[in-house]
Amino acid sequence: MTNAYFLGMVLGVPLAICLLAVLVGHLYRDRDAEMLDWQPARSAEREAELELGELAQMRASLEALRRRRTTLPEAEDRIQK
């Protein structure tokens, strides 16, 4: 009897909580973000600006790395052609 009770508590209670959460989420008609009261930290425009800035930084660091690697005069001639 105690084994069945223990098994019911260990498996049944978490399963019931999960099923209740899924049911409430399914029955909730508004958007998920409204249910969680979630708002993005930054606007989409700001995210795009930051992404472009990161890309510019990556390009600049790659250019600096390439310049350090190709210090020979014949390498510079090949790059210009």
N, C-alpha and C. Protein backbone atom coordinates (compact mmCIF):
# COMPACT_ATOMS: atom_id res chain seq x y z
N MET A 1 0.82 -1.19 0.00
CA MET A 1 0.00 0.00 0.00
C MET A 1 0.86 1.26 0.00
N THR A 2 1.92 1.28 0.80
CA THR A 2 2.78 2.45 0.84
C THR A 2 3.54 2.64 -0.45
N ASN A 3 3.87 1.53 -1.14
CA ASN A 3 4.56 1.66 -2.42
C ASN A 3 3.66 2.33 -3.45
N ALA A 4 2.40 1.98 -3.48
CA ALA A 4 1.46 2.59 -4.42
C ALA A 4 1.25 4.07 -4.10
N TYR A 5 1.16 4.38 -2.81
CA TYR A 5 1.00 5.77 -2.40
C TYR A 5 2.23 6.59 -2.79
N PHE A 6 3.41 6.05 -2.52
CA PHE A 6 4.67 6.74 -2.86
C PHE A 6 4.78 6.93 -4.37
N LEU A 7 4.47 5.88 -5.13
CA LEU A 7 4.53 5.96 -6.59
C LEU A 7 3.52 6.98 -7.11
N GLY A 8 2.35 7.01 -6.51
CA GLY A 8 1.33 8.00 -6.90
C GLY A 8 1.78 9.42 -6.64
N MET A 9 2.45 9.64 -5.53
CA MET A 9 2.93 10.98 -5.19
C MET A 9 4.11 11.39 -6.08
N VAL A 10 5.02 10.48 -6.30
CA VAL A 10 6.23 10.81 -7.06
C VAL A 10 5.92 11.01 -8.54
N LEU A 11 5.05 10.18 -9.09
CA LEU A 11 4.73 10.30 -10.52
C LEU A 11 3.42 11.04 -10.78
N GLY A 12 2.45 10.83 -9.95
CA GLY A 12 1.12 11.39 -10.20
C GLY A 12 1.01 12.88 -9.97
N VAL A 13 1.57 13.38 -8.90
CA VAL A 13 1.45 14.81 -8.60
C VAL A 13 2.17 15.67 -9.64
N PRO A 14 3.43 15.37 -9.99
CA PRO A 14 4.06 16.18 -11.05
C PRO A 14 3.33 16.06 -12.39
N LEU A 15 2.84 14.88 -12.69
CA LEU A 15 2.08 14.69 -13.93
C LEU A 15 0.80 15.52 -13.90
N ALA A 16 0.11 15.54 -12.77
CA ALA A 16 -1.11 16.33 -12.66
C ALA A 16 -0.81 17.83 -12.80
N ILE A 17 0.28 18.29 -12.22
CA ILE A 17 0.66 19.70 -12.33
C ILE A 17 0.97 20.05 -13.78
N CYS A 18 1.70 19.18 -14.46
CA CYS A 18 2.02 19.44 -15.87
C CYS A 18 0.76 19.45 -16.73
N LEU A 19 -0.12 18.50 -16.51
CA LEU A 19 -1.37 18.46 -17.28
C LEU A 19 -2.23 19.69 -17.01
N LEU A 20 -2.26 20.13 -15.77
CA LEU A 20 -3.02 21.34 -15.44
C LEU A 20 -2.43 22.56 -16.13
N ALA A 21 -1.10 22.66 -16.16
CA ALA A 21 -0.45 23.79 -16.84
C ALA A 21 -0.73 23.76 -18.34
N VAL A 22 -0.68 22.59 -18.95
CA VAL A 22 -0.97 22.47 -20.38
C VAL A 22 -2.43 22.84 -20.66
N LEU A 23 -3.33 22.39 -19.82
CA LEU A 23 -4.76 22.70 -19.99
C LEU A 23 -5.01 24.19 -19.86
N VAL A 24 -4.44 24.82 -18.86
CA VAL A 24 -4.63 26.26 -18.68
C VAL A 24 -4.03 27.02 -19.87
N GLY A 25 -2.86 26.60 -20.33
CA GLY A 25 -2.25 27.24 -21.49
C GLY A 25 -3.07 27.09 -22.74
N HIS A 26 -3.70 25.93 -22.90
CA HIS A 26 -4.54 25.69 -24.07
C HIS A 26 -5.83 26.52 -24.03
N LEU A 27 -6.39 26.67 -22.86
CA LEU A 27 -7.65 27.40 -22.73
C LEU A 27 -7.47 28.90 -22.70
N TYR A 28 -6.26 29.38 -22.47
CA TYR A 28 -6.00 30.81 -22.42
C TYR A 28 -6.03 31.37 -23.84
N ARG A 29 -6.88 32.35 -24.09
CA ARG A 29 -7.13 32.84 -25.45
C ARG A 29 -6.16 33.92 -25.91
N ASP A 30 -5.55 34.66 -25.00
CA ASP A 30 -4.65 35.74 -25.40
C ASP A 30 -3.29 35.18 -25.79
N ARG A 31 -2.40 36.09 -26.16
CA ARG A 31 -1.06 35.68 -26.57
C ARG A 31 -0.27 35.15 -25.37
N ASP A 32 0.71 34.31 -25.67
CA ASP A 32 1.54 33.74 -24.61
C ASP A 32 2.32 34.83 -23.87
N ALA A 33 2.80 35.83 -24.61
CA ALA A 33 3.58 36.90 -23.98
C ALA A 33 2.72 37.67 -22.98
N GLU A 34 1.44 37.82 -23.26
CA GLU A 34 0.55 38.52 -22.34
C GLU A 34 0.30 37.68 -21.09
N MET A 35 0.22 36.37 -21.26
CA MET A 35 -0.01 35.51 -20.11
C MET A 35 1.20 35.57 -19.17
N LEU A 36 2.39 35.63 -19.74
CA LEU A 36 3.59 35.70 -18.92
C LEU A 36 3.97 37.12 -18.55
N ASP A 37 3.25 38.11 -19.08
CA ASP A 37 3.54 39.53 -18.88
C ASP A 37 4.96 39.83 -19.32
N TRP A 38 5.31 39.33 -20.50
CA TRP A 38 6.65 39.46 -21.04
C TRP A 38 6.69 40.57 -22.07
N GLN A 39 7.74 41.36 -21.99
CA GLN A 39 7.99 42.39 -22.99
C GLN A 39 9.46 42.31 -23.38
N PRO A 40 9.77 42.50 -24.65
CA PRO A 40 11.17 42.42 -25.04
C PRO A 40 11.99 43.53 -24.39
N ALA A 41 13.25 43.22 -24.09
CA ALA A 41 14.11 44.18 -23.43
C ALA A 41 14.48 45.33 -24.36
N ARG A 42 14.61 45.03 -25.67
CA ARG A 42 14.97 46.05 -26.65
C ARG A 42 14.01 45.96 -27.83
N SER A 43 13.89 47.07 -28.53
CA SER A 43 13.04 47.09 -29.71
C SER A 43 13.74 46.37 -30.86
N ALA A 44 13.00 46.02 -31.86
CA ALA A 44 13.56 45.33 -33.02
C ALA A 44 14.57 46.22 -33.75
N GLU A 45 14.29 47.53 -33.79
CA GLU A 45 15.22 48.46 -34.43
C GLU A 45 16.56 48.49 -33.69
N ARG A 46 16.51 48.51 -32.36
CA ARG A 46 17.74 48.54 -31.56
C ARG A 46 18.51 47.23 -31.74
N GLU A 47 17.80 46.12 -31.80
CA GLU A 47 18.45 44.83 -32.03
C GLU A 47 19.17 44.82 -33.37
N ALA A 48 18.54 45.39 -34.39
CA ALA A 48 19.17 45.45 -35.71
C ALA A 48 20.41 46.33 -35.68
N GLU A 49 20.34 47.47 -34.98
CA GLU A 49 21.50 48.34 -34.85
C GLU A 49 22.66 47.63 -34.16
N LEU A 50 22.36 46.93 -33.08
CA LEU A 50 23.40 46.20 -32.35
C LEU A 50 24.00 45.09 -33.21
N GLU A 51 23.16 44.42 -33.97
CA GLU A 51 23.65 43.35 -34.85
C GLU A 51 24.59 43.91 -35.91
N LEU A 52 24.22 45.05 -36.50
CA LEU A 52 25.09 45.67 -37.49
C LEU A 52 26.41 46.12 -36.88
N GLY A 53 26.35 46.63 -35.66
CA GLY A 53 27.57 47.03 -34.97
C GLY A 53 28.48 45.83 -34.70
N GLU A 54 27.90 44.72 -34.31
CA GLU A 54 28.68 43.52 -34.07
C GLU A 54 29.32 43.02 -35.35
N LEU A 55 28.57 43.07 -36.45
CA LEU A 55 29.13 42.64 -37.73
C LEU A 55 30.28 43.54 -38.16
N ALA A 56 30.15 44.84 -37.94
CA ALA A 56 31.22 45.76 -38.29
C ALA A 56 32.47 45.48 -37.45
N GLN A 57 32.28 45.17 -36.17
CA GLN A 57 33.41 44.82 -35.32
C GLN A 57 34.10 43.55 -35.80
N MET A 58 33.31 42.55 -36.18
CA MET A 58 33.90 41.30 -36.67
C MET A 58 34.68 41.52 -37.96
N ARG A 59 34.11 42.32 -38.86
CA ARG A 59 34.82 42.61 -40.11
C ARG A 59 36.13 43.35 -39.84
N ALA A 60 36.09 44.32 -38.94
CA ALA A 60 37.29 45.08 -38.63
C ALA A 60 38.37 44.19 -38.02
N SER A 61 37.98 43.28 -37.14
CA SER A 61 38.97 42.40 -36.53
C SER A 61 39.54 41.42 -37.55
N LEU A 62 38.71 40.95 -38.48
CA LEU A 62 39.21 40.06 -39.54
C LEU A 62 40.16 40.81 -40.47
N GLU A 63 39.83 42.05 -40.78
CA GLU A 63 40.72 42.85 -41.63
C GLU A 63 42.06 43.06 -40.94
N ALA A 64 42.05 43.35 -39.64
CA ALA A 64 43.30 43.55 -38.90
C ALA A 64 44.12 42.26 -38.87
N LEU A 65 43.45 41.15 -38.68
CA LEU A 65 44.14 39.86 -38.68
C LEU A 65 44.77 39.57 -40.04
N ARG A 66 44.03 39.84 -41.10
CA ARG A 66 44.55 39.62 -42.45
C ARG A 66 45.74 40.54 -42.73
N ARG A 67 45.66 41.80 -42.26
CA ARG A 67 46.76 42.73 -42.47
C ARG A 67 48.01 42.26 -41.74
N ARG A 68 47.85 41.72 -40.53
CA ARG A 68 49.01 41.23 -39.78
C ARG A 68 49.62 40.01 -40.45
N ARG A 69 48.81 39.18 -41.06
CA ARG A 69 49.32 37.97 -41.71
C ARG A 69 50.02 38.28 -43.03
N THR A 70 49.54 39.26 -43.75
CA THR A 70 50.08 39.55 -45.09
C THR A 70 50.92 40.82 -45.05
N THR A 71 52.10 40.75 -44.44
CA THR A 71 52.98 41.91 -44.38
C THR A 71 54.03 41.89 -45.48
N LEU A 72 54.11 40.80 -46.24
CA LEU A 72 55.08 40.71 -47.33
C LEU A 72 54.63 41.56 -48.52
N PRO A 73 55.55 42.21 -49.23
CA PRO A 73 55.17 43.07 -50.36
C PRO A 73 54.46 42.30 -51.48
N GLU A 74 54.91 41.08 -51.78
CA GLU A 74 54.24 40.34 -52.86
C GLU A 74 52.81 39.96 -52.47
N ALA A 75 52.57 39.76 -51.19
CA ALA A 75 51.20 39.46 -50.74
C ALA A 75 50.31 40.69 -50.95
N GLU A 76 50.83 41.88 -50.70
CA GLU A 76 50.04 43.09 -50.90
C GLU A 76 49.74 43.29 -52.38
N ASP A 77 50.69 42.94 -53.26
CA ASP A 77 50.44 43.05 -54.69
C ASP A 77 49.33 42.11 -55.13
N ARG A 78 49.30 40.91 -54.58
CA ARG A 78 48.24 39.96 -54.94
C ARG A 78 46.88 40.45 -54.46
N ILE A 79 46.84 41.09 -53.33
CA ILE A 79 45.57 41.59 -52.80
C ILE A 79 45.03 42.72 -53.66
N GLN A 80 45.90 43.59 -54.15
CA GLN A 80 45.47 44.72 -54.95
C GLN A 80 45.02 44.29 -56.33
N LYS A 81 45.47 43.18 -56.87
CA LYS A 81 45.09 42.75 -58.21
C LYS A 81 43.78 42.08 -58.23
